PDB file of N, CA and C in Angstrom:
ATOM      1  N   MET A   1       2.642  17.469   9.583  1.00  0.00           N
ATOM      2  CA  MET A   1       2.280  16.586   9.513  1.00  0.00           C
ATOM      3  C   MET A   1       1.261  15.437   9.907  1.00  0.00           C
ATOM      4  N   LYS A   2       0.917  14.326   8.995  1.00  0.00           N
ATOM      5  CA  LYS A   2      -0.510  13.313   8.990  1.00  0.00           C
ATOM      6  C   LYS A   2      -0.384  12.001   9.073  1.00  0.00           C
ATOM      7  N   THR A   3      -0.633  11.215  10.504  1.00  0.00           N
ATOM      8  CA  THR A   3      -0.630   9.805  10.981  1.00  0.00           C
ATOM      9  C   THR A   3      -1.679   9.568   9.674  1.00  0.00           C
ATOM     10  N   VAL A   4      -1.429   8.466   9.051  1.00  0.00           N
ATOM     11  CA  VAL A   4      -2.558   7.807   8.230  1.00  0.00           C
ATOM     12  C   VAL A   4      -2.347   6.464   8.823  1.00  0.00           C
ATOM     13  N   LEU A   5      -3.694   5.748   8.319  1.00  0.00           N
ATOM     14  CA  LEU A   5      -2.899   4.133   7.864  1.00  0.00           C
ATOM     15  C   LEU A   5      -3.644   4.205   6.795  1.00  0.00           C
ATOM     16  N   VAL A   6      -2.911   3.348   5.756  1.00  0.00           N
ATOM     17  CA  VAL A   6      -2.969   2.454   4.690  1.00  0.00           C
ATOM     18  C   VAL A   6      -2.734   1.536   4.471  1.00  0.00           C
ATOM     19  N   PHE A   7      -3.995   0.711   3.511  1.00  0.00           N
ATOM     20  CA  PHE A   7      -4.881  -0.502   3.036  1.00  0.00           C
ATOM     21  C   PHE A   7      -4.275  -0.295   1.668  1.00  0.00           C
ATOM     22  N   TYR A   8      -3.420  -1.436   1.897  1.00  0.00           N
ATOM     23  CA  TYR A   8      -2.964  -1.512  -0.129  1.00  0.00           C
ATOM     24  C   TYR A   8      -2.859  -3.212  -0.136  1.00  0.00           C
ATOM     25  N   LYS A   9      -2.593  -3.143  -1.582  1.00  0.00           N
ATOM     26  CA  LYS A   9      -2.129  -4.537  -2.167  1.00  0.00           C
ATOM     27  C   LYS A   9      -0.334  -4.678  -2.411  1.00  0.00           C
ATOM     28  N   GLU A  10       0.734  -5.854  -2.305  1.00  0.00           N
ATOM     29  CA  GLU A  10       1.442  -5.246  -2.879  1.00  0.00           C
ATOM     30  C   GLU A  10       1.625  -7.001  -4.007  1.00  0.00           C
ATOM     31  N   TRP A  11       2.049  -6.494  -4.935  1.00  0.00           N
ATOM     32  CA  TRP A  11       2.212  -7.117  -6.315  1.00  0.00           C
ATOM     33  C   TRP A  11       3.580  -9.170  -5.694  1.00  0.00           C
ATOM     34  N   ILE A  12       3.168 -10.372  -5.464  1.00  0.00           N
ATOM     35  CA  ILE A  12       3.834 -10.971  -5.237  1.00  0.00           C
ATOM     36  C   ILE A  12       4.597 -11.770  -6.551  1.00  0.00           C
ATOM     37  N   GLU A  13       5.593 -11.946  -6.965  1.00  0.00           N
ATOM     38  CA  GLU A  13       5.813 -12.301  -7.935  1.00  0.00           C
ATOM     39  C   GLU A  13       6.217 -13.438  -7.525  1.00  0.00           C
ATOM     40  N   LEU A  14       5.668 -15.027  -8.726  1.00  0.00           N
ATOM     41  CA  LEU A  14       5.775 -16.496  -8.416  1.00  0.00           C
ATOM     42  C   LEU A  14       6.869 -16.965  -8.744  1.00  0.00           C
ATOM     43  N   ASN A  15       8.404 -16.992  -8.198  1.00  0.00           N
ATOM     44  CA  ASN A  15       9.485 -18.236  -9.096  1.00  0.00           C
ATOM     45  C   ASN A  15       8.876 -18.943  -9.808  1.00  0.00           C
ATOM     46  N   HIS A  16       7.977 -19.236 -10.678  1.00  0.00           N
ATOM     47  CA  HIS A  16       7.642 -20.144 -10.756  1.00  0.00           C
ATOM     48  C   HIS A  16       6.912 -20.040 -12.235  1.00  0.00           C
ATOM     49  N   PRO A  17       7.231 -20.572 -13.678  1.00  0.00           N
ATOM     50  CA  PRO A  17       6.728 -21.218 -14.931  1.00  0.00           C
ATOM     51  C   PRO A  17       5.367 -20.789 -15.515  1.00  0.00           C
ATOM     52  N   ASP A  18       4.258 -21.752 -14.706  1.00  0.00           N
ATOM     53  CA  ASP A  18       2.721 -21.887 -14.923  1.00  0.00           C
ATOM     54  C   ASP A  18       2.484 -20.825 -13.392  1.00  0.00           C
ATOM     55  N   VAL A  19       2.909 -20.381 -12.323  1.00  0.00           N
ATOM     56  CA  VAL A  19       1.715 -20.480 -11.820  1.00  0.00           C
ATOM     57  C   VAL A  19       2.766 -18.312 -12.048  1.00  0.00           C
ATOM     58  N   ASP A  20       1.195 -18.151 -12.629  1.00  0.00           N
ATOM     59  CA  ASP A  20       1.528 -16.495 -11.968  1.00  0.00           C
ATOM     60  C   ASP A  20       1.416 -15.423 -10.682  1.00  0.00           C
ATOM     61  N   GLY A  21       1.860 -14.302 -10.778  1.00  0.00           N
ATOM     62  CA  GLY A  21       1.998 -13.494  -9.293  1.00  0.00           C
ATOM     63  C   GLY A  21       0.627 -13.708  -8.521  1.00  0.00           C
ATOM     64  N   THR A  22       0.574 -12.987  -7.597  1.00  0.00           N
ATOM     65  CA  THR A  22      -0.520 -12.681  -6.511  1.00  0.00           C
ATOM     66  C   THR A  22      -0.358 -10.999  -5.966  1.00  0.00           C
ATOM     67  N   PHE A  23      -1.438 -10.495  -5.399  1.00  0.00           N
ATOM     68  CA  PHE A  23      -1.924  -9.368  -4.717  1.00  0.00           C
ATOM     69  C   PHE A  23      -1.784  -9.891  -3.099  1.00  0.00           C
ATOM     70  N   ILE A  24      -0.841  -9.552  -2.653  1.00  0.00           N
ATOM     71  CA  ILE A  24      -1.075  -9.118  -1.207  1.00  0.00           C
ATOM     72  C   ILE A  24      -1.339  -8.132  -0.463  1.00  0.00           C
ATOM     73  N   GLU A  25      -2.772  -8.493   0.109  1.00  0.00           N
ATOM     74  CA  GLU A  25      -3.379  -7.673   0.982  1.00  0.00           C
ATOM     75  C   GLU A  25      -2.445  -7.128   2.214  1.00  0.00           C
ATOM     76  N   ARG A  26      -2.287  -5.462   2.584  1.00  0.00           N
ATOM     77  CA  ARG A  26      -1.456  -5.139   3.593  1.00  0.00           C
ATOM     78  C   ARG A  26      -1.910  -3.935   4.551  1.00  0.00           C
ATOM     79  N   SER A  27      -1.687  -3.498   5.337  1.00  0.00           N
ATOM     80  CA  SER A  27      -1.580  -2.365   5.959  1.00  0.00           C
ATOM     81  C   SER A  27      -0.210  -1.545   6.259  1.00  0.00           C
ATOM     82  N   THR A  28      -0.754  -0.441   6.648  1.00  0.00           N
ATOM     83  CA  THR A  28       1.045   0.041   7.878  1.00  0.00           C
ATOM     84  C   THR A  28       0.234   1.259   8.192  1.00  0.00           C
ATOM     85  N   VAL A  29       0.742   1.861   8.729  1.00  0.00           N
ATOM     86  CA  VAL A  29       0.849   3.258   9.518  1.00  0.00           C
ATOM     87  C   VAL A  29       1.780   3.701   9.284  1.00  0.00           C
ATOM     88  N   VAL A  30       1.632   5.189   8.810  1.00  0.00           N
ATOM     89  CA  VAL A  30       3.162   5.731   8.151  1.00  0.00           C
ATOM     90  C   VAL A  30       2.707   6.596   8.183  1.00  0.00           C
ATOM     91  N   GLU A  31       3.535   8.422   8.693  1.00  0.00           N
ATOM     92  CA  GLU A  31       2.909  10.015   8.476  1.00  0.00           C
ATOM     93  C   GLU A  31       3.421  11.363   7.245  1.00  0.00           C
ATOM     94  N   VAL A  32       2.867  10.879   7.171  1.00  0.00           N
ATOM     95  CA  VAL A  32       2.946  12.167   5.298  1.00  0.00           C
ATOM     96  C   VAL A  32       2.940  13.714   6.116  1.00  0.00           C
ATOM     97  N   GLU A  33       3.297  14.922   4.751  1.00  0.00           N
ATOM     98  CA  GLU A  33       3.122  16.327   5.143  1.00  0.00           C
ATOM     99  C   GLU A  33       2.247  16.076   4.166  1.00  0.00           C
ATOM    100  N   LYS A  34       1.316  15.915   3.648  1.00  0.00           N
ATOM    101  CA  LYS A  34       0.422  15.830   2.321  1.00  0.00           C
ATOM    102  C   LYS A  34      -0.223  14.064   2.247  1.00  0.00           C
ATOM    103  N   LEU A  35      -1.585  14.109   2.285  1.00  0.00           N
ATOM    104  CA  LEU A  35      -1.791  12.811   2.085  1.00  0.00           C
ATOM    105  C   LEU A  35      -1.184  12.660   0.259  1.00  0.00           C
ATOM    106  N   THR A  36      -1.908  13.503  -0.714  1.00  0.00           N
ATOM    107  CA  THR A  36      -1.071  12.547  -1.709  1.00  0.00           C
ATOM    108  C   THR A  36       0.862  11.975  -2.246  1.00  0.00           C
ATOM    109  N   ASP A  37       1.247  12.238  -1.348  1.00  0.00           N
ATOM    110  CA  ASP A  37       2.803  11.873  -0.595  1.00  0.00           C
ATOM    111  C   ASP A  37       2.788  10.185  -0.996  1.00  0.00           C
ATOM    112  N   LEU A  38       1.442   9.392  -1.137  1.00  0.00           N
ATOM    113  CA  LEU A  38       1.055   8.204  -0.364  1.00  0.00           C
ATOM    114  C   LEU A  38       1.221   7.300  -2.079  1.00  0.00           C
ATOM    115  N   ASN A  39       0.624   8.454  -3.079  1.00  0.00           N
ATOM    116  CA  ASN A  39       0.523   8.040  -4.834  1.00  0.00           C
ATOM    117  C   ASN A  39       1.759   7.877  -4.455  1.00  0.00           C
ATOM    118  N   GLU A  40       3.331   7.871  -4.193  1.00  0.00           N
ATOM    119  CA  GLU A  40       4.721   8.415  -4.342  1.00  0.00           C
ATOM    120  C   GLU A  40       5.022   6.531  -3.128  1.00  0.00           C
ATOM    121  N   MET A  41       4.814   5.953  -2.228  1.00  0.00           N
ATOM    122  CA  MET A  41       4.687   5.160  -1.801  1.00  0.00           C
ATOM    123  C   MET A  41       4.190   3.839  -1.631  1.00  0.00           C
ATOM    124  N   PHE A  42       2.946   4.207  -2.651  1.00  0.00           N
ATOM    125  CA  PHE A  42       2.511   2.685  -2.513  1.00  0.00           C
ATOM    126  C   PHE A  42       1.495   2.606  -4.305  1.00  0.00           C
ATOM    127  N   GLU A  43       1.621   1.465  -5.075  1.00  0.00           N
ATOM    128  CA  GLU A  43       1.153   1.101  -6.603  1.00  0.00           C
ATOM    129  C   GLU A  43      -0.179   1.245  -6.079  1.00  0.00           C
ATOM    130  N   VAL A  44      -1.024   0.830  -5.250  1.00  0.00           N
ATOM    131  CA  VAL A  44      -2.159   0.453  -5.160  1.00  0.00           C
ATOM    132  C   VAL A  44      -2.769   0.239  -3.644  1.00  0.00           C
ATOM    133  N   ILE A  45      -3.406   1.607  -4.207  1.00  0.00           N
ATOM    134  CA  ILE A  45      -4.606   1.758  -2.764  1.00  0.00           C
ATOM    135  C   ILE A  45      -5.449   1.188  -2.841  1.00  0.00           C
ATOM    136  N   ASP A  46      -5.365   0.622  -1.164  1.00  0.00           N
ATOM    137  CA  ASP A  46      -7.615   0.975  -1.205  1.00  0.00           C
ATOM    138  C   ASP A  46      -8.201   1.872  -0.437  1.00  0.00           C
ATOM    139  N   ASP A  47      -7.826   1.605   0.582  1.00  0.00           N
ATOM    140  CA  ASP A  47      -7.264   2.593   1.733  1.00  0.00           C
ATOM    141  C   ASP A  47      -7.490   3.323   2.459  1.00  0.00           C
ATOM    142  N   VAL A  48      -7.553   5.025   3.193  1.00  0.00           N
ATOM    143  CA  VAL A  48      -6.761   5.241   3.457  1.00  0.00           C
ATOM    144  C   VAL A  48      -7.847   6.164   4.752  1.00  0.00           C
ATOM    145  N   LYS A  49      -6.784   6.470   5.348  1.00  0.00           N
ATOM    146  CA  LYS A  49      -7.679   6.428   7.961  1.00  0.00           C
ATOM    147  C   LYS A  49      -6.745   7.251   7.913  1.00  0.00           C
ATOM    148  N   VAL A  50      -7.461   8.955   7.986  1.00  0.00           N
ATOM    149  CA  VAL A  50      -6.786   9.865   8.794  1.00  0.00           C
ATOM    150  C   VAL A  50      -7.212   9.099  10.495  1.00  0.00           C
ATOM    151  N   ILE A  51      -5.560   9.375  10.972  1.00  0.00           N
ATOM    152  CA  ILE A  51      -5.468   8.933  12.493  1.00  0.00           C
ATOM    153  C   ILE A  51      -5.528  10.557  12.911  1.00  0.00           C
ATOM    154  N   CYS A  52      -4.308  11.417  12.737  1.00  0.00           N
ATOM    155  CA  CYS A  52      -4.405  12.431  13.043  1.00  0.00           C
ATOM    156  C   CYS A  52      -3.562  13.489  12.037  1.00  0.00           C
TER     157      CYS A  52
END
């Protein structure tokens, strides 16, 4: 298992007809077997830092 810090963007849909949605920058620590498993967990990944 690898512990990684993932910086990603999440799309937030705004429920107003005149305003589009927006991306919110977030980060989280997750454990994965392979780094390619992150592709299934997040849509827009900005950066990945391997902790251990």
